[in-house]
């Protein structure tokens, strides 16, 4: 194994989840009679550049296929976040009808719809056909391809040099992180700004968020590692903010190093210092994460077994990738969780990879009235609890497993 950024070969162990199927590879009913492909899910930290990363066992096309089923627009809170982002970027950088915004990993147009509504020319880059189609249905122009230096050069030649690029929750998803980052240095205008949002490695460790590990996430990012990667590939980080999304994320602002048109903000130094104080450069910071994951797994599995012994009916909500990591690491099947509800019609009627738990729509929840509803995408639990507050009508309770097991009554019940 070589580091995907610096080529180093010395690593610290970080997390070993055994083997798992790709977390977004949902199964059709006819596929249940056949085998699934399971790949090792092992994560290590490069001692040289401190990039935490998976060991590769399959190509990116395996994970980001034409039938990719993750659609951003099914979370109302995430849509609100995107709308606020567009308003903030317009105000801060003076974006108007003469500007150009390009989003890499545009998904189903969840963000660019607000750019378009503001009268700002925009373009999305999205390699998965299913989500690209949904974005086009919103009237958003989409280039259906993986992003890197080759595509960036092509876009600039076609007149798409950007005043602002957005890349939300995609930096972790790229196997060739150097080529990906270099592409932004090409795509930006000299005075342009690139923003990236990604879950913060510090929070992942502190909050035992091992379920955010899956094959589609090639990297697990700190500002320390990102700053080094950006500097090596033509970008300079000039500002950083924290956001609550996905268990605690960073929003990084970068500009072209060759132009250096943006003053360095004190936030960058503060964040780098905080990471150093947390021990990001020490083996001890990374060493205890395996034990944290095992504690969460064991508590969750014990809880579900106890529910079965008590005759309690358990369902889950949210056919999320992080949920599949948790279920497969714990070895949970349909005897412990009967079904999972999801708002996304593209997932309904399919089965979770590995556990093979059926994915159904919300009418099943009302019909079966489970005693416990496990919220798998815990990062949007507030939204889900509000949406499903009616389970209080039959005394149902919500359960989350990460960072620690928590059972809570639905609103309206003590």
Protein backbone atom coordinates (compact mmCIF):
# COMPACT_ATOMS: atom_id res chain seq x y z
CA UNK A 1 0.00 0.00 0.00
CA UNK A 2 1.25 3.47 -0.95
CA UNK A 3 -0.17 6.77 0.23
CA UNK A 4 -2.43 8.22 -2.44
CA UNK A 5 -0.99 11.69 -1.83
CA UNK A 6 2.72 11.45 -1.02
CA UNK A 7 3.53 7.86 -1.98
CA UNK A 8 4.70 6.98 1.53
CA UNK A 9 4.66 3.37 2.69
CA UNK A 10 4.72 3.74 6.48
CA UNK A 11 1.25 3.76 8.06
CA UNK A 12 -0.40 3.74 11.47
CA UNK A 13 -3.40 1.43 11.91
CA UNK A 14 -6.65 3.37 12.21
CA UNK A 15 -9.68 1.12 11.60
CA UNK A 16 -10.31 -2.41 10.38
CA UNK A 17 -13.97 -3.24 9.74
CA UNK A 18 -13.25 -6.62 8.19
CA UNK A 19 -15.10 -6.97 4.89
CA UNK A 20 -18.25 -5.32 3.57
CA UNK A 21 -20.15 -4.85 0.32
CA UNK A 22 -20.19 -1.36 -1.22
CA UNK A 23 -22.51 0.66 0.99
CA UNK A 24 -24.60 2.17 -1.80
CA UNK A 25 -24.98 -1.05 -3.85
CA UNK A 26 -28.61 -1.83 -3.04
CA UNK A 27 -29.96 -5.21 -4.10
CA UNK A 28 -32.95 -5.94 -6.30
CA UNK A 29 -35.15 -8.82 -5.12
CA UNK A 30 -33.91 -11.12 -7.88
CA UNK A 31 -30.34 -10.59 -6.70
CA UNK A 32 -31.10 -12.12 -3.31
CA UNK A 33 -30.68 -15.59 -4.78
CA UNK A 34 -27.06 -14.84 -5.70
CA UNK A 35 -23.82 -13.87 -3.97
CA UNK A 36 -22.55 -10.36 -3.20
CA UNK A 37 -19.06 -8.98 -3.60
CA UNK A 38 -17.51 -8.03 -0.25
CA UNK A 39 -14.26 -6.05 -0.11
CA UNK A 40 -11.85 -5.50 2.79
CA UNK A 41 -12.56 -2.22 4.59
CA UNK A 42 -9.25 -1.24 6.16
CA UNK A 43 -8.17 2.33 6.94
CA UNK A 44 -4.68 3.53 7.78
CA UNK A 45 -2.93 6.88 8.34
CA UNK A 46 0.18 7.84 6.38
CA UNK A 47 2.93 8.72 8.85
CA UNK A 48 4.53 11.15 6.38
CA UNK A 49 1.61 13.39 5.33
CA UNK A 50 -1.06 12.31 7.87
CA UNK A 51 -3.66 11.47 5.23
CA UNK A 52 -6.01 8.82 6.64
CA UNK A 53 -7.14 6.55 3.81
CA UNK A 54 -8.63 3.24 2.76
CA UNK A 55 -6.69 0.54 1.06
CA UNK A 56 -8.01 0.21 -2.50
CA UNK A 57 -9.54 -3.01 -3.74
CA UNK A 58 -11.89 -1.85 -6.52
CA UNK A 59 -12.21 0.95 -9.07
CA UNK A 60 -14.31 4.06 -8.44
CA UNK A 61 -16.77 2.93 -11.12
CA UNK A 62 -17.67 0.00 -8.85
CA UNK A 63 -18.95 2.42 -6.21
CA UNK A 64 -20.29 5.27 -8.37
CA UNK A 65 -22.36 3.40 -10.91
CA UNK A 66 -25.16 4.46 -13.26
CA UNK A 67 -27.72 3.37 -10.66
CA UNK A 68 -26.16 5.34 -7.78
CA UNK A 69 -29.04 5.92 -5.36
CA UNK A 70 -27.90 8.76 -3.11
CA UNK A 71 -29.98 11.88 -3.85
CA UNK A 72 -29.16 14.95 -1.74
CA UNK A 73 -32.54 16.64 -2.11
CA UNK A 74 -34.39 14.19 0.14
CA UNK A 75 -33.08 15.99 3.23
CA UNK A 76 -34.86 19.30 3.85
CA UNK A 77 -32.21 20.40 6.34
CA UNK A 78 -29.46 19.80 3.78
CA UNK A 79 -31.39 21.84 1.21
CA UNK A 80 -31.60 24.67 3.74
CA UNK A 81 -27.85 24.41 4.24
CA UNK A 82 -27.27 24.65 0.48
CA UNK A 83 -29.56 27.65 0.12
CA UNK A 84 -27.75 29.48 2.94
CA UNK A 85 -24.40 28.65 1.34
CA UNK A 86 -25.44 30.24 -1.94
CA UNK A 87 -26.69 33.38 -0.18
CA UNK A 88 -23.49 33.65 1.88
CA UNK A 89 -21.19 33.17 -1.13
CA UNK A 90 -23.12 35.76 -3.16
CA UNK A 91 -22.72 38.30 -0.39
CA UNK A 92 -19.09 37.54 0.40
CA UNK A 93 -17.71 37.31 -3.13
CA UNK A 94 -20.09 39.59 -5.03
CA UNK A 95 -21.43 36.91 -7.36
CA UNK A 96 -23.89 38.12 -10.01
CA UNK A 97 -25.04 37.49 -13.58
CA UNK A 98 -21.51 38.06 -14.86
CA UNK A 99 -20.06 35.31 -12.62
CA UNK A 100 -19.71 31.58 -13.14
CA UNK A 101 -20.28 28.94 -10.48
CA UNK A 102 -19.22 25.33 -11.04
CA UNK A 103 -20.13 22.58 -8.60
CA UNK A 104 -18.19 19.33 -8.66
CA UNK A 105 -20.33 16.42 -7.48
CA UNK A 106 -23.50 18.36 -8.23
CA UNK A 107 -25.62 15.29 -7.44
CA UNK A 108 -29.31 16.00 -8.17
CA UNK A 109 -28.95 19.79 -8.38
CA UNK A 110 -29.69 20.33 -4.67
CA UNK A 111 -27.31 23.36 -4.54
CA UNK A 112 -27.11 24.71 -8.08
CA UNK A 113 -30.89 25.16 -8.19
CA UNK A 114 -30.38 28.12 -5.82
CA UNK A 115 -27.52 29.49 -7.94
CA UNK A 116 -29.74 29.26 -11.02
CA UNK A 117 -32.63 30.93 -9.20
CA UNK A 118 -30.33 33.83 -8.32
CA UNK A 119 -29.61 34.43 -12.00
CA UNK A 120 -25.96 33.32 -11.77
CA UNK A 121 -24.65 31.16 -14.64
CA UNK A 122 -23.71 27.72 -13.37
CA UNK A 123 -22.52 24.28 -14.41
CA UNK A 124 -22.53 20.98 -12.57
CA UNK A 125 -20.09 18.09 -12.86
CA UNK A 126 -21.63 14.76 -11.83
CA UNK A 127 -20.47 11.29 -12.92
CA UNK A 128 -23.52 9.27 -11.84
CA UNK A 129 -26.23 9.08 -14.49
CA UNK A 130 -29.14 8.76 -12.05
CA UNK A 131 -28.43 11.99 -10.15
CA UNK A 132 -27.25 13.87 -13.25
CA UNK A 133 -30.62 13.15 -14.83
CA UNK A 134 -32.41 14.59 -11.79
CA UNK A 135 -30.29 17.75 -11.96
CA UNK A 136 -31.04 18.23 -15.65
CA UNK A 137 -34.73 17.91 -14.86
CA UNK A 138 -34.26 21.05 -12.73
CA UNK A 139 -32.84 22.88 -15.75
CA UNK A 140 -29.23 22.68 -14.59
CA UNK A 141 -26.54 22.00 -17.20
CA UNK A 142 -24.50 18.94 -16.22
CA UNK A 143 -21.26 17.45 -17.50
CA UNK A 144 -21.54 13.73 -16.77
CA UNK A 145 -17.95 12.79 -15.97
CA UNK A 146 -15.42 12.33 -13.19
CA UNK A 147 -13.51 15.51 -12.35
CA UNK A 148 -9.75 15.95 -12.63
CA UNK A 149 -7.11 17.91 -14.51
CA UNK A 150 -8.15 16.61 -17.93
CA UNK A 151 -11.78 17.61 -17.51
CA UNK A 152 -10.83 20.93 -15.88
CA UNK A 153 -8.69 21.89 -18.88
CA UNK A 154 -11.52 20.93 -21.23
CA UNK A 155 -14.03 23.04 -19.28
CA UNK A 156 -11.75 26.10 -19.30
CA UNK A 157 -11.24 25.71 -23.05
CA UNK A 158 -15.03 25.68 -23.45
CA UNK A 159 -15.42 28.92 -21.50
CA UNK A 160 -16.33 27.56 -18.07
CA UNK A 161 -13.53 29.05 -15.95
CA UNK A 162 -15.07 29.63 -12.52
CA UNK A 163 -15.37 32.51 -10.09
CA UNK A 164 -16.54 30.01 -7.48
CA UNK A 165 -16.33 26.25 -7.32
CA UNK A 166 -18.21 24.20 -4.75
CA UNK A 167 -17.27 20.66 -3.76
CA UNK A 168 -19.39 19.34 -0.91
CA UNK A 169 -18.64 15.93 0.56
CA UNK A 170 -16.67 14.79 -2.46
CA UNK A 171 -13.01 15.36 -1.52
CA UNK A 172 -13.17 12.13 0.49
CA UNK A 173 -14.65 10.27 -2.48
CA UNK A 174 -11.76 10.52 -4.96
CA UNK A 175 -9.06 7.88 -5.38
CA UNK A 176 -6.58 10.24 -7.09
CA UNK A 177 -6.74 13.18 -4.71
CA UNK A 178 -3.77 14.98 -6.30
CA UNK A 179 -5.29 15.01 -9.78
CA UNK A 180 -8.66 16.06 -8.33
CA UNK A 181 -7.28 19.02 -6.37
CA UNK A 182 -5.04 20.11 -9.24
CA UNK A 183 -8.15 20.32 -11.38
CA UNK A 184 -9.51 23.17 -9.25
CA UNK A 185 -6.28 25.15 -9.66
CA UNK A 186 -6.88 24.88 -13.42
CA UNK A 187 -10.62 25.56 -13.37
CA UNK A 188 -10.54 28.69 -11.19
CA UNK A 189 -10.15 32.15 -12.64
CA UNK A 190 -7.07 33.96 -11.22
CA UNK A 191 -9.24 35.66 -8.58
CA UNK A 192 -11.57 32.68 -8.14
CA UNK A 193 -12.40 30.84 -4.92
CA UNK A 194 -12.86 27.13 -4.32
CA UNK A 195 -14.83 25.83 -1.34
CA UNK A 196 -14.76 22.28 -0.03
CA UNK A 197 -16.84 20.73 2.73
CA UNK A 198 -15.92 17.43 4.32
CA UNK A 199 -16.40 15.60 7.66
CA UNK A 200 -13.62 16.49 10.09
CA UNK A 201 -11.37 13.61 11.17
CA UNK A 202 -11.12 15.11 14.66
CA UNK A 203 -14.88 14.73 15.14
CA UNK A 204 -14.87 11.25 13.64
CA UNK A 205 -12.46 10.10 16.35
CA UNK A 206 -13.90 12.08 19.25
CA UNK A 207 -17.48 11.01 18.51
CA UNK A 208 -16.76 7.37 17.56
CA UNK A 209 -18.17 7.98 14.08
CA UNK A 210 -16.70 4.80 12.61
CA UNK A 211 -19.84 4.28 10.52
CA UNK A 212 -18.77 7.11 8.21
CA UNK A 213 -16.12 4.67 6.94
CA UNK A 214 -17.07 2.89 3.74
CA UNK A 215 -15.46 2.08 0.42
CA UNK A 216 -16.76 5.19 -1.33
CA UNK A 217 -14.78 7.26 1.21
CA UNK A 218 -11.20 6.91 0.10
CA UNK A 219 -9.91 9.58 2.52
CA UNK A 220 -10.72 10.84 6.04
CA UNK A 221 -9.63 14.41 6.30
CA UNK A 222 -8.03 16.86 8.69
CA UNK A 223 -7.07 20.41 7.79
CA UNK A 224 -3.46 19.39 8.44
CA UNK A 225 -3.57 16.84 5.62
CA UNK A 226 -5.75 18.96 3.31
CA UNK A 227 -3.46 22.00 3.66
CA UNK A 228 -0.48 19.89 2.59
CA UNK A 229 -2.33 18.32 -0.32
CA UNK A 230 -3.60 21.68 -1.56
CA UNK A 231 -0.16 23.33 -1.38
CA UNK A 232 1.32 20.47 -3.39
CA UNK A 233 -1.34 20.88 -6.08
CA UNK A 234 -1.60 24.61 -6.72
CA UNK A 235 -4.11 25.76 -4.08
CA UNK A 236 -3.71 27.76 -0.87
CA UNK A 237 -6.17 27.50 1.99
CA UNK A 238 -7.02 31.04 3.15
CA UNK A 239 -10.01 30.46 5.43
CA UNK A 240 -11.80 27.65 7.26
CA UNK A 241 -15.13 27.37 9.03
CA UNK A 242 -16.81 24.63 11.04
CA UNK A 243 -20.30 23.37 10.26
CA UNK A 244 -22.45 20.85 12.15
CA UNK A 245 -23.11 18.69 9.09
CA UNK A 246 -22.27 14.98 8.99
CA UNK A 247 -21.27 14.95 12.62
CA UNK A 248 -19.06 18.04 12.35
CA UNK A 249 -17.47 19.23 9.10
CA UNK A 250 -14.99 21.78 7.86
CA UNK A 251 -15.67 24.26 5.08
CA UNK A 252 -12.34 25.18 3.52
CA UNK A 253 -11.81 28.20 1.27
CA UNK A 254 -8.93 28.08 -1.20
CA UNK A 255 -7.49 30.17 -4.02
CA UNK A 256 -4.90 29.59 -6.70
CA UNK A 257 -1.41 29.72 -5.19
CA UNK A 258 -0.08 31.33 -8.35
CA UNK A 259 -2.44 34.28 -7.90
CA UNK A 260 -2.75 34.45 -4.08
CA UNK A 261 -5.50 37.06 -4.30
CA UNK A 262 -7.03 36.34 -0.89
CA UNK A 263 -5.58 37.36 2.50
CA UNK A 264 -4.86 34.55 4.94
CA UNK A 265 -7.39 34.45 7.77
CA UNK A 266 -6.45 33.71 11.38
CA UNK A 267 -8.95 30.81 11.35
CA UNK A 268 -6.49 28.66 9.40
CA UNK A 269 -3.72 28.91 11.96
CA UNK A 270 -6.16 28.35 14.81
CA UNK A 271 -7.55 25.18 13.26
CA UNK A 272 -4.11 23.78 12.48
CA UNK A 273 -3.01 24.50 16.06
CA UNK A 274 -6.14 22.83 17.45
CA UNK A 275 -5.45 19.70 15.42
CA UNK A 276 -1.88 19.56 16.66
CA UNK A 277 -3.03 19.95 20.25
CA UNK A 278 -5.50 17.10 19.67
CA UNK A 279 -2.55 14.91 18.68
CA UNK A 280 -3.25 14.58 14.96
CA UNK A 281 0.45 13.94 14.28
CA UNK A 282 0.84 11.26 16.95
CA UNK A 283 0.17 7.55 16.69
CA UNK A 284 -1.77 7.59 19.96
CA UNK A 285 -4.50 9.74 18.39
CA UNK A 286 -5.19 7.06 15.78
CA UNK A 287 -4.56 3.97 17.90
CA UNK A 288 -7.72 3.89 20.00
CA UNK A 289 -10.31 4.21 17.26
CA UNK A 290 -10.67 0.48 16.66
CA UNK A 291 -11.68 -0.05 20.29
CA UNK A 292 -14.22 2.80 20.07
CA UNK A 293 -15.83 1.18 17.05
CA UNK A 294 -16.02 -2.16 18.81
CA UNK A 295 -17.71 -0.58 21.86
CA UNK A 296 -20.41 1.02 19.70
CA UNK A 297 -20.96 -2.23 17.76
CA UNK A 298 -21.22 -4.37 20.89
CA UNK A 299 -23.63 -2.01 22.67
CA UNK A 300 -25.89 -1.80 19.61
CA UNK A 301 -25.96 -5.54 19.00
CA UNK A 302 -26.66 -6.25 22.67
CA UNK A 303 -29.51 -3.74 22.65
CA UNK A 304 -31.17 -5.32 19.59
CA UNK A 305 -30.85 -8.81 21.06
CA UNK A 306 -32.47 -7.56 24.27
CA UNK A 307 -35.33 -6.04 22.24
CA UNK A 308 -35.94 -9.38 20.55
CA UNK A 309 -35.97 -11.17 23.91
CA UNK A 310 -38.54 -8.68 25.19
CA UNK A 311 -40.73 -9.20 22.13
CA UNK A 312 -40.23 -5.62 20.90
CA UNK A 313 -40.65 -4.92 17.19
CA UNK A 314 -37.69 -2.98 15.73
CA UNK A 315 -37.47 -1.11 12.41
CA UNK A 316 -34.99 1.44 11.10
CA UNK A 317 -35.17 4.72 9.23
CA UNK A 318 -32.80 5.87 6.49
CA UNK A 319 -31.11 3.47 4.06
CA UNK A 320 -27.89 5.42 4.47
CA UNK A 321 -24.36 4.29 3.65
CA UNK A 322 -23.30 4.88 7.26
CA UNK A 323 -26.13 2.64 8.39
CA UNK A 324 -24.90 -0.15 6.16
CA UNK A 325 -21.42 0.12 7.68
CA UNK A 326 -22.88 -0.21 11.17
CA UNK A 327 -25.21 -3.09 10.29
CA UNK A 328 -22.58 -5.10 8.46
CA UNK A 329 -19.86 -4.57 11.07
CA UNK A 330 -22.30 -5.76 13.74
CA UNK A 331 -23.59 -8.66 11.62
CA UNK A 332 -27.21 -7.51 11.91
CA UNK A 333 -29.87 -9.11 9.72
CA UNK A 334 -33.68 -9.11 9.38
CA UNK A 335 -34.20 -11.11 12.55
CA UNK A 336 -33.17 -8.02 14.55
CA UNK A 337 -34.38 -5.19 12.28
CA UNK A 338 -37.45 -6.07 10.23
CA UNK A 339 -37.26 -3.28 7.63
CA UNK A 340 -35.83 0.15 6.93
CA UNK A 341 -37.92 3.12 5.76
CA UNK A 342 -36.52 5.61 3.25
CA UNK A 343 -38.06 8.63 1.50
CA UNK A 344 -36.11 8.02 -1.69
CA UNK A 345 -38.20 6.08 -4.27
CA UNK A 346 -34.96 5.00 -5.95
CA UNK A 347 -34.18 2.86 -2.89
CA UNK A 348 -37.67 1.59 -2.06
CA UNK A 349 -38.31 -1.99 -3.12
CA UNK A 350 -34.61 -2.84 -2.87
CA UNK A 351 -32.62 -4.45 -0.06
CA UNK A 352 -29.68 -3.19 1.97
CA UNK A 353 -26.32 -4.62 0.87
CA UNK A 354 -25.01 -7.28 3.19
CA UNK A 355 -27.81 -7.34 5.75
CA UNK A 356 -30.46 -7.70 3.02
CA UNK A 357 -33.03 -5.82 5.09
CA UNK A 358 -35.91 -4.63 2.86
CA UNK A 359 -36.27 -0.92 2.09
CA UNK A 360 -39.87 0.28 2.21
CA UNK A 361 -41.83 3.52 2.17
CA UNK A 362 -43.27 5.26 5.20
CA UNK A 363 -46.70 3.62 4.98
CA UNK A 364 -45.11 0.43 6.31
CA UNK A 365 -44.08 2.27 9.48
CA UNK A 366 -47.63 3.41 10.16
CA UNK A 367 -49.02 -0.04 9.38
CA UNK A 368 -46.61 -2.10 11.50
CA UNK A 369 -46.19 0.39 14.39
CA UNK A 370 -42.75 -0.80 15.56
CA UNK A 371 -41.83 -0.29 19.20
CA UNK A 372 -38.38 1.04 18.31
CA UNK A 373 -37.16 2.98 15.26
CA UNK A 374 -33.39 3.02 14.79
CA UNK A 375 -32.22 6.22 13.08
CA UNK A 376 -29.32 5.14 10.88
CA UNK A 377 -28.41 8.61 9.44
CA UNK A 378 -27.89 10.07 12.94
CA UNK A 379 -26.48 13.26 11.37
CA UNK A 380 -30.05 14.34 10.47
CA UNK A 381 -31.81 12.83 13.47
CA UNK A 382 -33.49 16.11 14.45
CA UNK A 383 -35.17 16.28 11.05
CA UNK A 384 -36.19 12.62 11.20
CA UNK A 385 -37.58 12.80 14.73
CA UNK A 386 -39.72 15.77 13.73
CA UNK A 387 -40.90 13.96 10.58
CA UNK A 388 -41.80 10.77 12.45
CA UNK A 389 -43.08 12.28 15.68
CA UNK A 390 -46.36 10.40 15.17
CA UNK A 391 -44.76 7.18 16.43
CA UNK A 392 -45.60 8.60 19.87
CA UNK A 393 -49.21 7.65 19.07
CA UNK A 394 -48.37 4.00 19.77
CA UNK A 395 -45.58 4.60 22.30
CA UNK A 396 -42.73 4.12 19.84
CA UNK A 397 -39.22 5.28 20.72
CA UNK A 398 -36.23 6.40 18.65
CA UNK A 399 -32.79 4.81 18.93
CA UNK A 400 -29.36 6.00 17.80
CA UNK A 401 -26.15 3.98 18.17
CA UNK A 402 -23.45 6.61 17.50
CA UNK A 403 -21.54 7.94 19.41
CA UNK A 404 -23.21 5.99 22.22
CA UNK A 405 -26.45 4.07 22.36
CA UNK A 406 -29.38 6.37 23.09
CA UNK A 407 -33.08 5.60 23.35
CA UNK A 408 -35.52 8.50 23.44
CA UNK A 409 -39.24 8.95 23.44
CA UNK A 410 -40.88 10.59 20.46
CA UNK A 411 -41.98 14.20 21.00
CA UNK A 412 -45.13 14.31 23.06
CA UNK A 413 -44.21 11.36 25.25
CA UNK A 414 -42.29 11.38 28.50
